[in-house]
Amino acid sequence: MAVVCHPCKGEIAPHSEMMVSVTLYNNTCGRYEDTILSEVKGLDTIEIPVAIDIKGSPITIPSNQVGVYFNEDPPAVVMKASVQNGGKATKTFKIKNSGVQSVSIEWKIFDITPNAYNNKGDLFKLNIVKNEGNVAEPYNIDFNFIEPEESKESLFIVMPKRAIIGAKQKATFEVTFDTSGDIGEYRVLIQAKPKLIVDNANESSTNLGVIYLTLKGEILKAHLTLDKKMQRDGTSHLQFEIWPTDDYGAPQTAKKIGLINESPADIALTVDTTGPFSLVSTLTNAPPHSLAKETAKQVQTLFNLLPGTFLELECKVKKPNPEDLNQWPLVNRITKSGALILNYSNKTTEQIILEAKFLRPHITIHIKHSKKNDLAEDEFDFGTVYIDKERSKDTVMYLKNESKATAKWSLNHIIIQPKLNLGFKTITRLEKENKEKTDDQSVFAFSVSKVWL
């Protein structure tokens, strides 16, 4: 024990007094006893016993540490939120020994959950004990805190688990948070009971209090939010419409999709497409991924989205040749599907379903006063036209586009090919009529021969 007397020596005049200040330094814990000797020439030495009982702990958590929140009780070390199976997150904190003796500490981890203490979730054990012979207070309440069992399979690890901190020294500890657990928030309490190191590296039984720290972590599902989408059974869909023509209001074959990272965790991913779709361009306000290659010809597909950043993807439908009936059959509508695949770094994937509807125009013809011929085809018979009395006969033909796709319509002359060898007894009326016809398109005049419909 350090004892300082001031003044430590001097002269006292006859019949006078002197005030001596005695200072005892309390920079170490425990009960200490010592003796102050007063030596006066010509007199016997006087022994003055001195004793002090120092409470408290020289172990403190230094303030102004990055990542340690002192506005909570106990102070909290908050780990950065991470996606599931996204590796291990680490953080450090420091402990200071302000005493003059070395101190050992050993960390224990306790889960802070409603059922972490016992099966009933009780925090305290309450017993009522009968006081024998005490009439005024016949019963006494025994109130004890139930310390939970130390966690054996915690996602948090503190290294080193045990350390000796020298006098006036600081020790650094590393917290590791394993993100392989289930999705959710995790909260544990770490506890250490410091012990003084005495001679021969033995630990004393002096109570130096308890140090507590809360460790917090959160495991998230890797997910990006779409700025526009169509929901079907909880799956994101994006639809395209493709027409054979590219004029007169035909929809674009490319669309842009915006993805936003609204989580507090970094999300690394690669982007790919399946089906008749391809990536045309990408744009993001996030810093480039460390493994991304900057090329002018290839579209960037590797990203690391920080919280609050976005990713814009432009997808395009690979439009087949409308004249290729194998790829684009001659029907009103066919649907081809694909997907925009988001491959996250934690080996999970997310899909955005892409649907392309290939539409062909559907034109119907309606002729005024028409009749059906033997082949159930619409036919208008002008009958007999006399050159002297009637110069022409008119009829009206209506065209209707019954589809969403614009039709490029035009009249085409189809040459009639009558059968040459026809038996007299088996010839039909239509075949006989076609045999007698003269195929001359100049006889008929149309007001419109081609039009966009």
Foldseek 3Di string as FASTA:
>chain_A
DDKDKVPPDDDADPPGDDDIDIDDDQQDAAKDKDWDWDDDPPDDIDIDIDIDGHAAAQKDFDPPDPQWAVVDVVIEREWFEAAALRFKTKDKGKMWRQHQFKKKKAKFKFFPDQPRQHNNSDQKDWDKAADPPDPVDRIDIDIGGRDGDTDDDAQKDKPPRMDIAGHRGMDMIMIMGHRNDDFFKTKMKMKIFMFTQDPPRDTDPGGNDMDIYMYIYGYHHDDWDKPDFDDDPNATEDEAEAELDDDDPGDAQKDKIKTAQQDQYKWKWFKDKDWQKDWDEKDKPADADPPWDDDPPDHTGIGIDHHGIMMMTMMGGNDDNCVPCVVPNPDAKDKIKMWIWIQIPSRDIGTHIYMYIYGYWDKDKDKPPWDQDPVRDTDDDPDDDDVVPHVDDDIDMDMDTPHPHKDWDFDDDDDDDADDDDDPVPDDPVSVVSVPDDRDPVVDDDPDGIDID
